[in-house]
PDB file of all heavy atoms in Angstrom:
ATOM      1  N   ALA A   1      98.825 102.925  78.831  1.00  0.00           N
ATOM      2  CA  ALA A   1      98.064 102.906  77.504  1.00  0.00           C
ATOM      3  C   ALA A   1      96.610 102.833  77.932  1.00  0.00           C
ATOM      4  O   ALA A   1      95.875 103.530  77.131  1.00  0.00           O
ATOM      5  CB  ALA A   1      98.552 101.677  76.723  1.00  0.00           C
ATOM      6  N   LEU A   2      96.193 102.102  78.778  1.00  0.00           N
ATOM      7  CA  LEU A   2      94.795 102.085  79.114  1.00  0.00           C
ATOM      8  C   LEU A   2      94.212 103.539  79.548  1.00  0.00           C
ATOM      9  O   LEU A   2      93.186 103.935  79.125  1.00  0.00           O
ATOM     10  CB  LEU A   2      94.567 101.103  80.340  1.00  0.00           C
ATOM     11  CG  LEU A   2      93.059 101.038  80.839  1.00  0.00           C
ATOM     12  CD1 LEU A   2      92.161 100.392  79.655  1.00  0.00           C
ATOM     13  CD2 LEU A   2      93.075 100.187  82.081  1.00  0.00           C
ATOM     14  N   ALA A   3      95.018 104.249  80.345  1.00  0.00           N
ATOM     15  CA  ALA A   3      94.626 105.494  80.783  1.00  0.00           C
ATOM     16  C   ALA A   3      94.524 106.549  79.600  1.00  0.00           C
ATOM     17  O   ALA A   3      93.505 107.228  79.469  1.00  0.00           O
ATOM     18  CB  ALA A   3      95.607 106.153  81.740  1.00  0.00           C
ATOM     19  N   LEU A   4      95.455 106.365  78.748  1.00  0.00           N
ATOM     20  CA  LEU A   4      95.441 107.296  77.564  1.00  0.00           C
ATOM     21  C   LEU A   4      94.150 106.967  76.629  1.00  0.00           C
ATOM     22  O   LEU A   4      93.415 107.900  76.121  1.00  0.00           O
ATOM     23  CB  LEU A   4      96.658 107.103  76.745  1.00  0.00           C
ATOM     24  CG  LEU A   4      96.904 107.912  75.409  1.00  0.00           C
ATOM     25  CD1 LEU A   4      96.966 109.485  75.855  1.00  0.00           C
ATOM     26  CD2 LEU A   4      98.252 107.654  74.782  1.00  0.00           C
ATOM     27  N   ARG A   5      93.842 105.751  76.403  1.00  0.00           N
ATOM     28  CA  ARG A   5      92.797 105.272  75.654  1.00  0.00           C
ATOM     29  C   ARG A   5      91.358 105.627  76.418  1.00  0.00           C
ATOM     30  O   ARG A   5      90.531 106.181  75.694  1.00  0.00           O
ATOM     31  CB  ARG A   5      92.765 103.747  75.518  1.00  0.00           C
ATOM     32  CG  ARG A   5      91.613 103.159  74.795  1.00  0.00           C
ATOM     33  CD  ARG A   5      91.795 101.776  74.680  1.00  0.00           C
ATOM     34  NE  ARG A   5      90.580 101.198  73.921  1.00  0.00           N
ATOM     35  CZ  ARG A   5      90.246  99.806  73.881  1.00  0.00           C
ATOM     36  NH1 ARG A   5      91.025  98.993  74.348  1.00  0.00           N
ATOM     37  NH2 ARG A   5      89.215  99.438  73.340  1.00  0.00           N
ATOM     38  N   LEU A   6      91.245 105.475  77.693  1.00  0.00           N
ATOM     39  CA  LEU A   6      90.103 105.970  78.392  1.00  0.00           C
ATOM     40  C   LEU A   6      89.853 107.379  78.403  1.00  0.00           C
ATOM     41  O   LEU A   6      88.824 107.852  78.340  1.00  0.00           O
ATOM     42  CB  LEU A   6      90.088 105.354  79.822  1.00  0.00           C
ATOM     43  CG  LEU A   6      89.793 103.874  79.915  1.00  0.00           C
ATOM     44  CD1 LEU A   6      90.106 103.356  81.309  1.00  0.00           C
ATOM     45  CD2 LEU A   6      88.398 103.604  79.461  1.00  0.00           C
ATOM     46  N   ARG A   7      90.996 108.093  78.473  1.00  0.00           N
ATOM     47  CA  ARG A   7      90.875 109.587  78.406  1.00  0.00           C
ATOM     48  C   ARG A   7      90.134 110.082  77.033  1.00  0.00           C
ATOM     49  O   ARG A   7      89.236 111.009  77.135  1.00  0.00           O
ATOM     50  CB  ARG A   7      92.132 110.305  78.314  1.00  0.00           C
ATOM     51  CG  ARG A   7      92.228 111.700  78.399  1.00  0.00           C
ATOM     52  CD  ARG A   7      93.653 112.308  78.447  1.00  0.00           C
ATOM     53  NE  ARG A   7      94.137 111.967  79.786  1.00  0.00           N
ATOM     54  CZ  ARG A   7      94.852 112.643  80.598  1.00  0.00           C
ATOM     55  NH1 ARG A   7      94.995 113.905  80.369  1.00  0.00           N
ATOM     56  NH2 ARG A   7      95.246 112.148  81.673  1.00  0.00           N
ATOM     57  N   GLY A   8      90.415 109.407  75.986  1.00  0.00           N
ATOM     58  CA  GLY A   8      89.684 109.667  74.797  1.00  0.00           C
ATOM     59  C   GLY A   8      88.135 109.361  74.847  1.00  0.00           C
ATOM     60  O   GLY A   8      87.387 109.861  74.026  1.00  0.00           O
ATOM     61  N   ASP A   9      87.822 108.487  75.822  1.00  0.00           N
ATOM     62  CA  ASP A   9      86.426 108.087  75.935  1.00  0.00           C
ATOM     63  C   ASP A   9      85.790 108.918  77.134  1.00  0.00           C
ATOM     64  O   ASP A   9      84.743 108.585  77.669  1.00  0.00           O
ATOM     65  CB  ASP A   9      86.386 106.573  76.283  1.00  0.00           C
ATOM     66  CG  ASP A   9      85.019 106.013  76.146  1.00  0.00           C
ATOM     67  OD1 ASP A   9      84.171 106.504  75.198  1.00  0.00           O
ATOM     68  OD2 ASP A   9      84.753 104.937  76.542  1.00  0.00           O
ATOM     69  N   GLY A  10      86.468 109.842  77.675  1.00  0.00           N
ATOM     70  CA  GLY A  10      85.809 110.718  78.782  1.00  0.00           C
ATOM     71  C   GLY A  10      86.025 110.169  80.208  1.00  0.00           C
ATOM     72  O   GLY A  10      85.295 110.571  81.038  1.00  0.00           O
ATOM     73  N   VAL A  11      86.925 109.242  80.358  1.00  0.00           N
ATOM     74  CA  VAL A  11      87.140 108.483  81.636  1.00  0.00           C
ATOM     75  C   VAL A  11      88.556 108.728  82.015  1.00  0.00           C
ATOM     76  O   VAL A  11      89.413 108.516  81.303  1.00  0.00           O
ATOM     77  CB  VAL A  11      86.769 107.089  81.685  1.00  0.00           C
ATOM     78  CG1 VAL A  11      87.033 106.377  82.988  1.00  0.00           C
ATOM     79  CG2 VAL A  11      85.362 106.892  81.140  1.00  0.00           C
ATOM     80  N   LEU A  12      88.729 109.300  83.284  1.00  0.00           N
ATOM     81  CA  LEU A  12      90.198 109.409  83.654  1.00  0.00           C
ATOM     82  C   LEU A  12      90.526 108.439  84.751  1.00  0.00           C
ATOM     83  O   LEU A  12      89.708 108.212  85.771  1.00  0.00           O
ATOM     84  CB  LEU A  12      90.343 110.847  84.288  1.00  0.00           C
ATOM     85  CG  LEU A  12      90.071 111.994  83.389  1.00  0.00           C
ATOM     86  CD1 LEU A  12      90.274 113.265  84.135  1.00  0.00           C
ATOM     87  CD2 LEU A  12      90.976 112.020  82.089  1.00  0.00           C
ATOM     88  N   ILE A  13      91.586 107.696  84.543  1.00  0.00           N
ATOM     89  CA  ILE A  13      92.266 106.807  85.546  1.00  0.00           C
ATOM     90  C   ILE A  13      93.679 107.298  85.789  1.00  0.00           C
ATOM     91  O   ILE A  13      94.262 107.795  84.930  1.00  0.00           O
ATOM     92  CB  ILE A  13      92.065 105.357  85.217  1.00  0.00           C
ATOM     93  CG1 ILE A  13      93.038 105.025  84.020  1.00  0.00           C
ATOM     94  CG2 ILE A  13      90.711 104.981  85.012  1.00  0.00           C
ATOM     95  CD1 ILE A  13      93.182 103.513  83.716  1.00  0.00           C
ATOM     96  N   GLU A  14      94.225 106.831  86.907  1.00  0.00           N
ATOM     97  CA  GLU A  14      95.661 107.191  87.088  1.00  0.00           C
ATOM     98  C   GLU A  14      96.356 105.784  87.083  1.00  0.00           C
ATOM     99  O   GLU A  14      96.276 104.971  87.797  1.00  0.00           O
ATOM    100  CB  GLU A  14      95.809 107.816  88.415  1.00  0.00           C
ATOM    101  CG  GLU A  14      97.112 108.433  88.683  1.00  0.00           C
ATOM    102  CD  GLU A  14      97.111 109.326  89.989  1.00  0.00           C
ATOM    103  OE1 GLU A  14      96.192 109.276  90.779  1.00  0.00           O
ATOM    104  OE2 GLU A  14      98.128 109.968  90.185  1.00  0.00           O
ATOM    105  N   ALA A  15      97.236 105.830  86.116  1.00  0.00           N
ATOM    106  CA  ALA A  15      98.130 104.576  86.005  1.00  0.00           C
ATOM    107  C   ALA A  15      98.976 104.605  87.225  1.00  0.00           C
ATOM    108  O   ALA A  15      99.426 105.615  87.723  1.00  0.00           O
ATOM    109  CB  ALA A  15      99.073 104.748  84.788  1.00  0.00           C
ATOM    110  N   GLY A  16      99.160 103.393  87.771  1.00  0.00           N
ATOM    111  CA  GLY A  16      99.889 103.265  89.127  1.00  0.00           C
ATOM    112  C   GLY A  16     101.449 103.208  89.035  1.00  0.00           C
ATOM    113  O   GLY A  16     102.181 103.194  90.043  1.00  0.00           O
ATOM    114  N   LYS A  17     101.968 103.046  87.844  1.00  0.00           N
ATOM    115  CA  LYS A  17     103.375 102.961  87.661  1.00  0.00           C
ATOM    116  C   LYS A  17     104.301 103.912  88.474  1.00  0.00           C
ATOM    117  O   LYS A  17     105.168 103.393  89.115  1.00  0.00           O
ATOM    118  CB  LYS A  17     103.738 102.971  86.301  1.00  0.00           C
ATOM    119  CG  LYS A  17     105.242 102.582  85.931  1.00  0.00           C
ATOM    120  CD  LYS A  17     105.480 102.575  84.431  1.00  0.00           C
ATOM    121  CE  LYS A  17     106.843 102.347  84.095  1.00  0.00           C
ATOM    122  NZ  LYS A  17     107.052 102.327  82.612  1.00  0.00           N
ATOM    123  N   SER A  18     103.891 105.088  88.532  1.00  0.00           N
ATOM    124  CA  SER A  18     104.713 106.141  89.265  1.00  0.00           C
ATOM    125  C   SER A  18     104.669 106.016  90.742  1.00  0.00           C
ATOM    126  O   SER A  18     105.482 106.581  91.418  1.00  0.00           O
ATOM    127  CB  SER A  18     104.295 107.565  88.842  1.00  0.00           C
ATOM    128  OG  SER A  18     102.904 107.767  89.158  1.00  0.00           O
ATOM    129  N   PHE A  19     103.911 105.145  91.143  1.00  0.00           N
ATOM    130  CA  PHE A  19     103.728 104.989  92.755  1.00  0.00           C
ATOM    131  C   PHE A  19     104.488 103.875  93.147  1.00  0.00           C
ATOM    132  O   PHE A  19     104.671 103.492  94.409  1.00  0.00           O
ATOM    133  CB  PHE A  19     102.247 104.763  93.097  1.00  0.00           C
ATOM    134  CG  PHE A  19     101.456 105.976  92.859  1.00  0.00           C
ATOM    135  CD1 PHE A  19     100.703 106.003  91.667  1.00  0.00           C
ATOM    136  CD2 PHE A  19     101.294 107.010  93.888  1.00  0.00           C
ATOM    137  CE1 PHE A  19      99.868 107.207  91.381  1.00  0.00           C
ATOM    138  CE2 PHE A  19     100.541 108.051  93.618  1.00  0.00           C
ATOM    139  CZ  PHE A  19      99.748 108.134  92.501  1.00  0.00           C
ATOM    140  N   PHE A  20     105.306 103.134  92.210  1.00  0.00           N
ATOM    141  CA  PHE A  20     106.173 102.030  92.717  1.00  0.00           C
ATOM    142  C   PHE A  20     107.426 102.262  92.360  1.00  0.00           C
ATOM    143  O   PHE A  20     107.944 103.161  91.620  1.00  0.00           O
ATOM    144  CB  PHE A  20     105.612 100.782  91.839  1.00  0.00           C
ATOM    145  CG  PHE A  20     104.206 100.351  92.206  1.00  0.00           C
ATOM    146  CD1 PHE A  20     103.141 100.725  91.543  1.00  0.00           C
ATOM    147  CD2 PHE A  20     104.088  99.323  93.214  1.00  0.00           C
ATOM    148  CE1 PHE A  20     101.847 100.337  91.857  1.00  0.00           C
ATOM    149  CE2 PHE A  20     102.854  98.892  93.547  1.00  0.00           C
ATOM    150  CZ  PHE A  20     101.659  99.334  92.953  1.00  0.00           C
ATOM    151  N   ASP A  21     108.404 101.482  92.986  1.00  0.00           N
ATOM    152  CA  ASP A  21     109.865 101.656  92.847  1.00  0.00           C
ATOM    153  C   ASP A  21     110.241 101.306  91.385  1.00  0.00           C
ATOM    154  O   ASP A  21     109.830 100.294  90.880  1.00  0.00           O
ATOM    155  CB  ASP A  21     110.421 100.455  93.711  1.00  0.00           C
ATOM    156  CG  ASP A  21     112.000 100.498  93.567  1.00  0.00           C
ATOM    157  OD1 ASP A  21     112.577 101.207  92.787  1.00  0.00           O
ATOM    158  OD2 ASP A  21     112.522  99.658  94.399  1.00  0.00           O
ATOM    159  N   PRO A  22     110.822 102.169  90.715  1.00  0.00           N
ATOM    160  CA  PRO A  22     111.211 101.980  89.237  1.00  0.00           C
ATOM    161  C   PRO A  22     111.989 100.698  89.067  1.00  0.00           C
ATOM    162  O   PRO A  22     111.946 100.196  87.970  1.00  0.00           O
ATOM    163  CB  PRO A  22     112.054 103.223  88.935  1.00  0.00           C
ATOM    164  CG  PRO A  22     111.734 104.275  90.009  1.00  0.00           C
ATOM    165  CD  PRO A  22     111.298 103.500  91.305  1.00  0.00           C
ATOM    166  N   ALA A  23     112.661 100.203  90.026  1.00  0.00           N
ATOM    167  CA  ALA A  23     113.524  98.902  89.935  1.00  0.00           C
ATOM    168  C   ALA A  23     112.537  97.804  89.841  1.00  0.00           C
ATOM    169  O   ALA A  23     112.922  96.731  89.439  1.00  0.00           O
ATOM    170  CB  ALA A  23     114.497  98.800  90.978  1.00  0.00           C
ATOM    171  N   ARG A  24     111.311  97.951  90.445  1.00  0.00           N
ATOM    172  CA  ARG A  24     110.391  96.882  90.405  1.00  0.00           C
ATOM    173  C   ARG A  24     108.980  97.410  89.850  1.00  0.00           C
ATOM    174  O   ARG A  24     108.008  97.583  90.600  1.00  0.00           O
ATOM    175  CB  ARG A  24     110.140  96.384  91.886  1.00  0.00           C
ATOM    176  CG  ARG A  24     111.397  95.767  92.419  1.00  0.00           C
ATOM    177  CD  ARG A  24     111.398  95.372  93.786  1.00  0.00           C
ATOM    178  NE  ARG A  24     110.151  94.739  94.049  1.00  0.00           N
ATOM    179  CZ  ARG A  24     109.635  94.566  95.311  1.00  0.00           C
ATOM    180  NH1 ARG A  24     110.234  94.998  96.327  1.00  0.00           N
ATOM    181  NH2 ARG A  24     108.483  93.940  95.450  1.00  0.00           N
ATOM    182  N   PRO A  25     108.973  97.585  88.444  1.00  0.00           N
ATOM    183  CA  PRO A  25     107.812  98.252  87.920  1.00  0.00           C
ATOM    184  C   PRO A  25     106.544  97.342  88.087  1.00  0.00           C
ATOM    185  O   PRO A  25     106.594  96.170  88.073  1.00  0.00           O
ATOM    186  CB  PRO A  25     108.175  98.342  86.439  1.00  0.00           C
ATOM    187  CG  PRO A  25     109.337  97.625  86.159  1.00  0.00           C
ATOM    188  CD  PRO A  25     109.934  97.348  87.594  1.00  0.00           C
ATOM    189  N   GLN A  26     105.452  98.037  88.325  1.00  0.00           N
ATOM    190  CA  GLN A  26     104.122  97.336  88.547  1.00  0.00           C
ATOM    191  C   GLN A  26     103.185  98.122  87.588  1.00  0.00           C
ATOM    192  O   GLN A  26     102.289  98.838  88.058  1.00  0.00           O
ATOM    193  CB  GLN A  26     103.724  97.527  89.943  1.00  0.00           C
ATOM    194  CG  GLN A  26     104.647  96.973  91.040  1.00  0.00           C
ATOM    195  CD  GLN A  26     104.614  95.379  91.017  1.00  0.00           C
ATOM    196  OE1 GLN A  26     103.489  94.775  90.852  1.00  0.00           O
ATOM    197  NE2 GLN A  26     105.706  94.886  91.169  1.00  0.00           N
TER     198      GLN A  26
END
């Protein structure tokens, strides 16, 4: 959600969720 909000403000970040084991979300 933070990444989506910041995109509208011209800042790109990459949410880390996809880099972690889905069974142990971070």
